[in-house]
N, C-alpha and C. Protein backbone atom coordinates (compact mmCIF):
# COMPACT_ATOMS: atom_id res chain seq x y z
N GLY A 1 -0.69 38.32 -25.03
CA GLY A 1 -0.28 36.97 -24.76
C GLY A 1 0.22 36.28 -26.02
N SER A 2 0.63 35.05 -25.86
CA SER A 2 1.16 34.29 -27.00
C SER A 2 0.06 33.65 -27.82
N GLY A 3 -1.15 33.59 -27.32
CA GLY A 3 -2.28 33.06 -28.06
C GLY A 3 -3.56 33.39 -27.32
N SER A 4 -4.63 33.70 -28.07
CA SER A 4 -5.89 34.03 -27.39
C SER A 4 -7.07 33.69 -28.28
N VAL A 5 -8.23 33.56 -27.63
CA VAL A 5 -9.51 33.36 -28.28
C VAL A 5 -10.40 34.52 -27.85
N TRP A 6 -11.19 35.06 -28.79
CA TRP A 6 -12.06 36.19 -28.49
C TRP A 6 -13.52 35.77 -28.61
N TYR A 7 -14.33 36.31 -27.70
CA TYR A 7 -15.78 36.11 -27.73
C TYR A 7 -16.44 37.48 -27.71
N LYS A 8 -17.62 37.58 -28.29
CA LYS A 8 -18.39 38.83 -28.28
C LYS A 8 -19.70 38.57 -27.55
N HIS A 9 -20.07 39.51 -26.66
CA HIS A 9 -21.32 39.38 -25.91
C HIS A 9 -22.07 40.71 -25.95
N VAL A 10 -23.35 40.65 -26.36
CA VAL A 10 -24.23 41.82 -26.36
C VAL A 10 -25.41 41.48 -25.47
N PRO A 11 -25.46 42.02 -24.24
CA PRO A 11 -26.52 41.64 -23.31
C PRO A 11 -27.89 42.19 -23.73
N VAL A 12 -28.93 41.43 -23.42
CA VAL A 12 -30.31 41.86 -23.71
C VAL A 12 -30.93 42.59 -22.52
N ALA A 13 -30.18 42.68 -21.40
CA ALA A 13 -30.62 43.40 -20.21
C ALA A 13 -29.38 43.67 -19.35
N ASP A 14 -29.48 44.61 -18.41
CA ASP A 14 -28.40 44.82 -17.45
C ASP A 14 -28.21 43.54 -16.64
N GLY A 15 -26.98 43.27 -16.23
CA GLY A 15 -26.73 42.06 -15.45
C GLY A 15 -25.28 41.93 -15.07
N ALA A 16 -24.85 40.71 -14.87
CA ALA A 16 -23.46 40.43 -14.48
C ALA A 16 -23.04 39.12 -15.13
N ILE A 17 -21.74 39.01 -15.35
CA ILE A 17 -21.16 37.79 -15.91
C ILE A 17 -19.98 37.39 -15.03
N ALA A 18 -19.86 36.09 -14.78
CA ALA A 18 -18.69 35.54 -14.09
C ALA A 18 -18.02 34.57 -15.05
N LEU A 19 -16.71 34.70 -15.18
CA LEU A 19 -15.92 33.86 -16.09
C LEU A 19 -14.78 33.21 -15.32
N ASP A 20 -14.40 32.00 -15.73
CA ASP A 20 -13.19 31.40 -15.16
C ASP A 20 -12.61 30.39 -16.13
N THR A 21 -11.35 30.08 -15.92
CA THR A 21 -10.67 29.05 -16.71
C THR A 21 -10.23 27.91 -15.80
N ILE A 22 -10.89 27.76 -14.68
CA ILE A 22 -10.58 26.69 -13.74
C ILE A 22 -10.74 25.34 -14.44
N GLY A 23 -9.75 24.50 -14.29
CA GLY A 23 -9.73 23.22 -14.97
C GLY A 23 -8.82 23.22 -16.17
N SER A 24 -8.36 24.39 -16.57
CA SER A 24 -7.42 24.47 -17.69
C SER A 24 -6.09 23.83 -17.29
N SER A 25 -5.45 23.20 -18.24
CA SER A 25 -4.17 22.55 -17.95
C SER A 25 -2.98 23.46 -18.27
N TYR A 26 -3.24 24.72 -18.63
CA TYR A 26 -2.15 25.65 -18.93
C TYR A 26 -2.46 27.02 -18.35
N ASP A 27 -1.46 27.88 -18.28
CA ASP A 27 -1.58 29.22 -17.73
C ASP A 27 -2.53 30.05 -18.59
N THR A 28 -3.46 30.78 -17.95
CA THR A 28 -4.43 31.58 -18.69
C THR A 28 -4.58 32.99 -18.12
N PHE A 29 -5.15 33.86 -18.95
CA PHE A 29 -5.60 35.18 -18.50
C PHE A 29 -6.96 35.45 -19.14
N ILE A 30 -7.73 36.36 -18.53
CA ILE A 30 -9.01 36.81 -19.07
C ILE A 30 -8.99 38.33 -19.08
N VAL A 31 -9.36 38.92 -20.22
CA VAL A 31 -9.49 40.38 -20.32
C VAL A 31 -10.84 40.68 -20.95
N VAL A 32 -11.55 41.68 -20.40
CA VAL A 32 -12.83 42.11 -20.95
C VAL A 32 -12.69 43.54 -21.44
N TRP A 33 -13.18 43.77 -22.65
CA TRP A 33 -13.16 45.08 -23.29
C TRP A 33 -14.58 45.46 -23.67
N GLU A 34 -14.87 46.76 -23.76
CA GLU A 34 -16.18 47.23 -24.19
C GLU A 34 -16.00 48.13 -25.40
N GLY A 35 -16.89 47.98 -26.38
CA GLY A 35 -16.86 48.82 -27.57
C GLY A 35 -17.46 48.10 -28.76
N THR A 36 -17.89 48.86 -29.75
CA THR A 36 -18.53 48.25 -30.92
C THR A 36 -17.52 47.81 -31.97
N SER A 37 -16.33 48.37 -31.94
CA SER A 37 -15.30 48.02 -32.92
C SER A 37 -14.05 47.50 -32.20
N VAL A 38 -13.44 46.45 -32.72
CA VAL A 38 -12.22 45.93 -32.10
C VAL A 38 -11.07 46.92 -32.24
N TYR A 39 -11.25 47.97 -33.02
CA TYR A 39 -10.21 48.99 -33.18
C TYR A 39 -10.35 50.15 -32.20
N ASP A 40 -11.44 50.15 -31.40
CA ASP A 40 -11.69 51.23 -30.45
C ASP A 40 -12.31 50.66 -29.19
N LEU A 41 -11.53 49.90 -28.42
CA LEU A 41 -12.04 49.23 -27.23
C LEU A 41 -11.62 49.94 -25.96
N THR A 42 -12.47 49.84 -24.94
CA THR A 42 -12.20 50.39 -23.62
C THR A 42 -12.05 49.23 -22.64
N PHE A 43 -11.00 49.26 -21.85
CA PHE A 43 -10.73 48.22 -20.86
C PHE A 43 -11.83 48.18 -19.81
N VAL A 44 -12.29 46.97 -19.45
CA VAL A 44 -13.31 46.79 -18.41
C VAL A 44 -12.71 46.07 -17.19
N ALA A 45 -12.09 44.91 -17.40
CA ALA A 45 -11.57 44.12 -16.28
C ALA A 45 -10.58 43.09 -16.79
N CYS A 46 -9.72 42.59 -15.88
CA CYS A 46 -8.82 41.51 -16.26
C CYS A 46 -8.42 40.70 -15.04
N ASN A 47 -7.94 39.49 -15.30
CA ASN A 47 -7.39 38.66 -14.24
C ASN A 47 -6.38 37.70 -14.85
N ASN A 48 -5.26 37.55 -14.15
CA ASN A 48 -4.23 36.59 -14.51
C ASN A 48 -3.81 35.91 -13.22
N ASP A 49 -4.14 34.66 -13.08
CA ASP A 49 -3.83 33.86 -11.90
C ASP A 49 -4.73 34.23 -10.73
N ALA A 50 -5.79 33.46 -10.57
CA ALA A 50 -6.80 33.71 -9.54
C ALA A 50 -6.49 33.04 -8.21
N GLY A 51 -5.28 32.55 -8.05
CA GLY A 51 -4.93 31.90 -6.80
C GLY A 51 -5.18 30.41 -6.81
N THR A 52 -5.64 29.87 -7.92
CA THR A 52 -5.87 28.43 -8.04
C THR A 52 -4.95 27.88 -9.14
N GLY A 53 -3.67 27.94 -8.90
CA GLY A 53 -2.71 27.54 -9.94
C GLY A 53 -2.54 28.66 -10.93
N ASN A 54 -2.56 28.31 -12.19
CA ASN A 54 -2.37 29.31 -13.24
C ASN A 54 -3.67 29.66 -13.94
N THR A 55 -4.82 29.37 -13.32
CA THR A 55 -6.11 29.69 -13.92
C THR A 55 -6.55 31.09 -13.53
N SER A 56 -7.58 31.59 -14.20
CA SER A 56 -8.04 32.95 -13.99
C SER A 56 -9.55 32.96 -13.75
N SER A 57 -10.03 34.00 -13.08
CA SER A 57 -11.47 34.20 -12.92
C SER A 57 -11.75 35.67 -12.69
N LEU A 58 -12.94 36.10 -13.11
CA LEU A 58 -13.38 37.47 -12.84
C LEU A 58 -14.87 37.58 -13.05
N ALA A 59 -15.46 38.62 -12.49
CA ALA A 59 -16.87 38.93 -12.67
C ALA A 59 -16.98 40.41 -12.99
N PHE A 60 -17.96 40.77 -13.82
CA PHE A 60 -18.14 42.18 -14.17
C PHE A 60 -19.61 42.46 -14.48
N GLN A 61 -19.99 43.73 -14.36
CA GLN A 61 -21.34 44.18 -14.66
C GLN A 61 -21.49 44.38 -16.16
N THR A 62 -22.66 44.03 -16.69
CA THR A 62 -22.97 44.30 -18.09
C THR A 62 -24.17 45.23 -18.17
N PHE A 63 -24.25 45.97 -19.27
CA PHE A 63 -25.32 46.94 -19.42
C PHE A 63 -25.94 46.82 -20.81
N LEU A 64 -27.26 46.89 -20.85
CA LEU A 64 -28.01 46.84 -22.09
C LEU A 64 -27.47 47.90 -23.05
N GLY A 65 -27.23 47.52 -24.29
CA GLY A 65 -26.75 48.46 -25.29
C GLY A 65 -25.25 48.47 -25.46
N ASP A 66 -24.51 47.89 -24.52
CA ASP A 66 -23.05 47.83 -24.64
C ASP A 66 -22.64 46.52 -25.30
N THR A 67 -21.50 46.53 -25.96
CA THR A 67 -20.95 45.33 -26.58
C THR A 67 -19.64 44.99 -25.88
N TYR A 68 -19.50 43.74 -25.45
CA TYR A 68 -18.32 43.30 -24.71
C TYR A 68 -17.53 42.30 -25.54
N HIS A 69 -16.22 42.46 -25.53
CA HIS A 69 -15.30 41.55 -26.20
C HIS A 69 -14.47 40.89 -25.11
N ILE A 70 -14.51 39.57 -25.05
CA ILE A 70 -13.85 38.81 -23.99
C ILE A 70 -12.68 38.06 -24.61
N GLU A 71 -11.49 38.33 -24.09
CA GLU A 71 -10.26 37.69 -24.57
C GLU A 71 -9.80 36.68 -23.52
N ILE A 72 -9.64 35.44 -23.92
CA ILE A 72 -9.09 34.41 -23.04
C ILE A 72 -7.84 33.86 -23.72
N GLY A 73 -6.73 33.91 -23.00
CA GLY A 73 -5.49 33.50 -23.65
C GLY A 73 -4.46 32.97 -22.68
N THR A 74 -3.29 32.78 -23.23
CA THR A 74 -2.14 32.32 -22.45
C THR A 74 -1.04 33.37 -22.56
N PRO A 75 -0.44 33.73 -21.41
CA PRO A 75 0.59 34.79 -21.43
C PRO A 75 1.87 34.34 -22.14
């Protein structure tokens, strides 16, 4: 995309996360990656346009011991 913000999440137990950009005033996407290094990431999930304008939403499973990198940006 033309701009993005990254977040890192390391869960303390197995679970699930739901993310959305509903309420954003601009077009967004969400991408989730798994891996310990930003140079060796594995794709987990993505969403661009969740049917509510140009906002995005997704949910994914998390697992203890995995590291998740969440990218939220604008295409």
